[in-house]
Structure formats: C-alpha cells, structure tokens
Amino acid sequence: MGTTPLLSREIARRVLALILLCIGLAVLPVAGAWTSSAFLVAALAVYLVVPRAARPASALTYDLVPAVYGPDVVGFLLTGVFFALPFWARMGEPYLWGDFGVLVHPSALLVWPLALIAATIFWFSAQYASFWLVIEDEGLRINRLGSARFVAFSSIVEVRPMRRGLPKWFRWLTPLLIAASKFGAAGALLLARDTTGMTLVLDDGSEISIPQEAFEKHMRRVLSALRKKGVVFAPDGTS
C-alpha cells in the first residue's frame, strides 16, 4: 500500500477555494461588489486551475458531474452563505459597530456550526474525486482515501452488497435550510437516497466499499472481472 497525492491535493483545492469564497462573501457589505467579485473569481480559479494528480490511462473513475461537481457546488453555496450571514446581518445593526466592537453578528453562534456541518460535504466529494480503479490480470489496483492498494483476486473472500444512508445529523440542516428559503437544497436532503454498491471482504479481515452511484457503467466491468476469476458473491450480493 502506498500513499498518493490525490486526496491531499483534492482537499487543498477545496480548502483554498472555500477560504477565498468566504472572504469574498463576508466583505461584500463593506468592500463592495468589485472587491467581493475578485475573491469569488480567485476562488473559482483555484478550484478549476489547480492540477489534478496523474492517474493511470486505464483507470476507472466516478462521473465527475454527479459525484464531485454537484456536491461541491452545494458545499460551497451552503458553507459560504452560512459563514457570511453574520457579517451581512451586522450591517443592519450599526450599534454593533460602535460601543461593543463586535466583529460579527451574534447569529454566528447559530449559523457557523451549520457552516461546519455543510463543509463536511467536501470530504465526500474529495473522496470521490480521488478514487480510481484499474482492473489488472491478477487483481484490482484501487486508489482511495489517499492511498493506492493492490487487491489480488485470490485475497477476496466474498463480495457483499453495500447500503449506506446519510448521517442522521446531516438531516438537521433541513429545517434550517427551509427557514433560510433554500428550498432546493432542503428538498435534495429530504429526497436523498441511500448509497448502494458492493463491499469486498478480504482475507486479512479488512473491507473495501465501492459505491455504485455515478460508477454504474464501470461497476459492470468490475463485477464481470470478479466473476471470471471465481470470486464468491454473497447470496444476495451485487448482480
């Protein structure tokens, strides 16, 4: 198993872009639209221009639009707006500028924890962005969570179905999104389906889960390769 720069680079891309985005939104009431826009453009440039780490030519990857770009857009919008709201609210209450010297509106106590919750979206999108899989003669070479691992077909004890739902605490965002008139994002959370896929159970006791959403066309190739090598599937396993 060897480490790769994929995950660290994907996280760095999002962290830098998010910092610039938050600054741009926060300074909008004070510095004006032009200065704010400069930060927003810089955030977009960082996100788009930072090069992705090299991958093997034959690597199978997730479809970027639903698995990476879509969640990133939601993450940037929610995190950025939740972070900036106390700065925007302060502008409507001049007394907070003077006697008390408060830097942000007290609403930060409520909305900044929501910004942190929303920012967890980037962890998931970075994982999808860093994932790749290569089917080789003797096994699968899988890059995930910042490390590359070769999994021999002979080391796979069983293939089991995988089903994983959103963390329960993530649903806490829904009523707050509705209160903030973010009905589209709230609806997306309410309608979010469980993540399904397969889990490779290895002879060393470890497991590797591979979600199939945005990976369906490649998943069929992986399943076919596993069957050709005689890997055992659970009775209700992935078909």
Protein backbone atom coordinates (compact mmCIF):
# COMPACT_ATOMS: atom_id res chain seq x y z
CA MET A 1 0.00 0.00 0.00
CA GLY A 2 1.44 3.38 -0.96
CA THR A 3 0.27 6.89 -0.34
CA THR A 4 -0.68 9.17 -3.23
CA PRO A 5 -1.12 12.95 -3.52
CA LEU A 6 -4.67 12.66 -4.83
CA LEU A 7 -6.65 13.15 -1.65
CA SER A 8 -4.41 15.83 -0.14
CA ARG A 9 -4.48 17.77 -3.40
CA GLU A 10 -8.26 17.46 -3.71
CA ILE A 11 -8.72 18.69 -0.13
CA ALA A 12 -6.26 21.55 -0.61
CA ARG A 13 -8.12 22.65 -3.75
CA ARG A 14 -11.38 22.87 -1.82
CA VAL A 15 -9.95 24.45 1.34
CA LEU A 16 -8.21 27.27 -0.58
CA ALA A 17 -11.24 27.91 -2.76
CA LEU A 18 -13.55 27.90 0.26
CA ILE A 19 -11.39 30.40 2.17
CA LEU A 20 -11.41 32.81 -0.78
CA LEU A 21 -15.14 32.33 -1.28
CA CYS A 22 -15.92 33.01 2.39
CA ILE A 23 -13.76 36.14 2.42
CA GLY A 24 -15.41 37.38 -0.77
CA LEU A 25 -18.93 36.91 0.60
CA ALA A 26 -18.08 38.29 4.06
CA VAL A 27 -16.56 41.55 2.78
CA LEU A 28 -19.39 42.26 0.32
CA PRO A 29 -21.26 44.74 2.56
CA VAL A 30 -18.08 46.66 3.45
CA ALA A 31 -15.79 46.42 0.44
CA GLY A 32 -18.41 46.37 -2.28
CA ALA A 33 -19.21 44.18 -5.24
CA TRP A 34 -15.94 44.62 -7.15
CA THR A 35 -13.67 43.53 -4.30
CA SER A 36 -16.03 40.72 -3.40
CA SER A 37 -16.13 39.57 -7.02
CA ALA A 38 -12.34 39.49 -7.16
CA PHE A 39 -12.23 37.00 -4.29
CA LEU A 40 -15.01 34.92 -5.84
CA VAL A 41 -13.20 34.76 -9.19
CA ALA A 42 -9.99 33.79 -7.37
CA ALA A 43 -11.89 31.01 -5.58
CA LEU A 44 -13.23 29.68 -8.86
CA ALA A 45 -9.76 29.87 -10.44
CA VAL A 46 -8.18 27.89 -7.60
CA TYR A 47 -10.87 25.23 -7.86
CA LEU A 48 -10.57 24.88 -11.63
CA VAL A 49 -6.87 25.53 -12.26
CA VAL A 50 -5.10 23.51 -9.55
CA PRO A 51 -3.99 20.41 -11.49
CA ARG A 52 -5.28 17.01 -10.53
CA ALA A 53 -2.75 14.29 -9.75
CA ALA A 54 -1.92 11.93 -12.61
CA ARG A 55 -3.89 8.70 -12.96
CA PRO A 56 -3.24 5.56 -14.99
CA ALA A 57 -4.66 5.79 -18.51
CA SER A 58 -6.86 2.75 -17.88
CA ALA A 59 -8.21 3.99 -14.55
CA LEU A 60 -11.96 3.78 -13.94
CA THR A 61 -13.30 6.84 -12.14
CA TYR A 62 -16.58 8.28 -10.94
CA ASP A 63 -18.63 10.54 -13.20
CA LEU A 64 -17.48 13.96 -12.04
CA VAL A 65 -20.72 15.89 -12.52
CA PRO A 66 -22.99 13.98 -10.08
CA ALA A 67 -20.28 12.64 -7.76
CA VAL A 68 -17.93 15.61 -7.46
CA TYR A 69 -19.03 18.88 -9.06
CA GLY A 70 -22.64 18.70 -7.88
CA PRO A 71 -21.80 18.14 -4.20
CA ASP A 72 -19.03 20.75 -4.39
CA VAL A 73 -21.44 23.40 -5.69
CA VAL A 74 -23.86 22.64 -2.83
CA GLY A 75 -20.99 22.65 -0.33
CA PHE A 76 -19.64 26.00 -1.49
CA LEU A 77 -23.07 27.64 -1.53
CA LEU A 78 -24.18 26.39 1.88
CA THR A 79 -20.86 26.85 3.67
CA GLY A 80 -20.20 30.25 2.11
CA VAL A 81 -23.66 31.66 2.84
CA PHE A 82 -23.80 30.31 6.40
CA PHE A 83 -20.35 31.79 7.09
CA ALA A 84 -21.19 35.19 5.60
CA LEU A 85 -24.65 35.66 7.13
CA PRO A 86 -23.38 37.17 10.44
CA PHE A 87 -21.30 39.71 8.51
CA TRP A 88 -24.28 40.65 6.35
CA ALA A 89 -26.58 40.86 9.39
CA ARG A 90 -24.18 43.14 11.25
CA MET A 91 -24.58 45.80 8.56
CA GLY A 92 -28.24 46.19 9.50
CA GLU A 93 -27.46 46.92 13.15
CA PRO A 94 -24.96 49.81 13.36
CA TYR A 95 -24.79 49.72 17.17
CA LEU A 96 -22.77 46.54 16.92
CA TRP A 97 -20.00 48.52 15.23
CA GLY A 98 -19.55 51.02 17.98
CA ASP A 99 -19.81 50.63 21.72
CA PHE A 100 -19.33 46.86 21.84
CA GLY A 101 -16.87 46.48 18.97
CA VAL A 102 -18.45 43.20 17.95
CA LEU A 103 -16.88 41.88 14.76
CA VAL A 104 -19.77 39.69 13.71
CA HIS A 105 -23.49 39.45 14.40
CA PRO A 106 -24.41 37.16 17.34
CA SER A 107 -26.23 34.94 14.86
CA ALA A 108 -22.79 33.45 14.21
CA LEU A 109 -23.39 31.23 17.24
CA LEU A 110 -26.21 29.59 15.29
CA VAL A 111 -25.10 29.63 11.66
CA TRP A 112 -21.36 28.98 11.91
CA PRO A 113 -21.89 25.47 13.30
CA LEU A 114 -24.14 24.92 10.28
CA ALA A 115 -21.30 26.10 8.04
CA LEU A 116 -19.05 23.47 9.60
CA ILE A 117 -21.69 20.79 9.04
CA ALA A 118 -22.14 21.87 5.42
CA ALA A 119 -18.37 21.81 4.89
CA THR A 120 -18.34 18.05 5.54
CA ILE A 121 -19.78 17.70 2.03
CA PHE A 122 -16.28 18.40 0.72
CA TRP A 123 -14.90 15.33 2.48
CA PHE A 124 -17.23 13.11 0.49
CA SER A 125 -16.67 14.87 -2.84
CA ALA A 126 -12.89 14.76 -2.31
CA GLN A 127 -13.10 11.02 -1.74
CA TYR A 128 -15.00 10.50 -4.99
CA ALA A 129 -12.59 12.80 -6.83
CA SER A 130 -9.55 10.90 -5.55
CA PHE A 131 -10.92 7.41 -6.30
CA TRP A 132 -9.75 5.35 -9.24
CA LEU A 133 -9.64 1.65 -10.01
CA VAL A 134 -7.63 -0.37 -12.52
CA ILE A 135 -8.53 -3.96 -13.43
CA GLU A 136 -5.34 -5.99 -13.79
CA ASP A 137 -4.77 -9.67 -14.62
CA GLU A 138 -4.27 -10.74 -11.00
CA GLY A 139 -6.38 -8.23 -9.14
CA LEU A 140 -7.67 -4.70 -8.70
CA ARG A 141 -5.50 -1.65 -8.08
CA ILE A 142 -7.59 0.76 -6.07
CA ASN A 143 -6.82 4.33 -5.05
CA ARG A 144 -8.97 5.58 -2.20
CA LEU A 145 -8.59 7.79 0.85
CA GLY A 146 -5.21 9.00 -0.36
CA SER A 147 -3.62 5.56 -0.67
CA ALA A 148 -3.19 3.09 -3.52
CA ARG A 149 -3.67 -0.60 -2.81
CA PHE A 150 -3.41 -3.71 -4.95
CA VAL A 151 -6.12 -6.25 -4.11
CA ALA A 152 -5.42 -9.71 -5.53
CA PHE A 153 -8.48 -11.63 -6.69
CA SER A 154 -7.30 -14.56 -4.57
CA SER A 155 -7.44 -12.38 -1.44
CA ILE A 156 -11.13 -11.51 -1.86
CA VAL A 157 -13.15 -13.80 0.39
CA GLU A 158 -16.56 -12.53 -0.66
CA VAL A 159 -18.42 -9.70 -2.38
CA ARG A 160 -21.32 -8.32 -0.36
CA PRO A 161 -23.95 -5.69 -1.15
CA MET A 162 -23.45 -2.28 0.45
CA ARG A 163 -26.11 0.18 1.57
CA ARG A 164 -25.29 3.34 3.47
CA GLY A 165 -27.52 6.30 4.27
CA LEU A 166 -26.70 9.91 5.03
CA PRO A 167 -25.51 10.55 8.59
CA LYS A 168 -28.57 11.27 10.75
CA TRP A 169 -27.12 14.56 11.97
CA PHE A 170 -26.91 15.75 8.36
CA ARG A 171 -30.70 15.87 8.27
CA TRP A 172 -30.59 18.63 10.90
CA LEU A 173 -29.83 21.05 8.10
CA THR A 174 -33.25 20.57 6.50
CA PRO A 175 -35.45 22.83 8.71
CA LEU A 176 -32.74 25.46 8.81
CA LEU A 177 -32.43 25.44 5.03
CA ILE A 178 -36.19 25.86 4.77
CA ALA A 179 -36.06 28.78 7.21
CA ALA A 180 -33.32 30.34 5.07
CA SER A 181 -35.50 29.84 1.94
CA LYS A 182 -33.02 27.32 0.50
CA PHE A 183 -35.87 25.07 -0.61
CA GLY A 184 -33.92 23.31 -3.36
CA ALA A 185 -31.13 22.21 -1.05
CA ALA A 186 -33.63 21.22 1.66
CA GLY A 187 -35.58 19.13 -0.84
CA ALA A 188 -32.40 17.43 -2.01
CA LEU A 189 -31.63 16.36 1.55
CA LEU A 190 -35.14 15.08 2.12
CA LEU A 191 -35.12 13.08 -1.10
CA ALA A 192 -31.55 11.80 -0.79
CA ARG A 193 -31.35 8.06 -1.34
CA ASP A 194 -29.16 5.58 0.45
CA THR A 195 -25.80 4.92 -1.18
CA THR A 196 -25.60 1.41 -2.62
CA GLY A 197 -22.77 -0.61 -4.09
CA MET A 198 -20.55 -3.51 -3.16
CA THR A 199 -18.11 -4.37 -0.39
CA LEU A 200 -15.03 -6.51 -0.98
CA VAL A 201 -14.33 -8.65 2.08
CA LEU A 202 -10.61 -9.53 2.17
CA ASP A 203 -8.81 -12.43 3.81
CA ASP A 204 -6.99 -10.11 6.20
CA GLY A 205 -10.32 -9.04 7.73
CA SER A 206 -10.44 -5.64 6.04
CA GLU A 207 -13.20 -4.42 3.74
CA ILE A 208 -13.29 -2.08 0.74
CA SER A 209 -16.61 -0.47 -0.12
CA ILE A 210 -17.27 0.83 -3.63
CA PRO A 211 -20.46 2.90 -4.09
CA GLN A 212 -22.07 2.41 -7.48
CA GLU A 213 -23.84 5.76 -7.98
CA ALA A 214 -22.09 7.63 -10.81
CA PHE A 215 -19.98 4.49 -11.31
CA GLU A 216 -22.60 2.14 -12.82
CA LYS A 217 -21.01 1.65 -16.24
CA HIS A 218 -17.66 0.78 -14.68
CA MET A 219 -19.20 -1.32 -11.92
CA ARG A 220 -20.43 -3.83 -14.50
CA ARG A 221 -16.87 -4.30 -15.74
CA VAL A 222 -15.57 -4.81 -12.21
CA LEU A 223 -18.28 -7.34 -11.39
CA SER A 224 -17.59 -9.22 -14.63
CA ALA A 225 -13.87 -9.40 -13.83
CA LEU A 226 -14.61 -10.70 -10.32
CA ARG A 227 -16.89 -13.42 -11.66
CA LYS A 228 -14.40 -14.52 -14.29
CA LYS A 229 -11.84 -15.03 -11.53
CA GLY A 230 -14.27 -17.13 -9.48
CA VAL A 231 -14.71 -14.67 -6.62
CA VAL A 232 -17.54 -15.71 -4.29
CA PHE A 233 -20.62 -13.47 -4.14
CA ALA A 234 -22.97 -13.34 -1.16
CA PRO A 235 -26.38 -14.95 -1.89
CA ASP A 236 -28.00 -11.50 -2.11
CA GLY A 237 -24.88 -9.90 -3.48
CA THR A 238 -24.42 -7.37 -6.24
CA SER A 239 -25.66 -8.60 -9.60
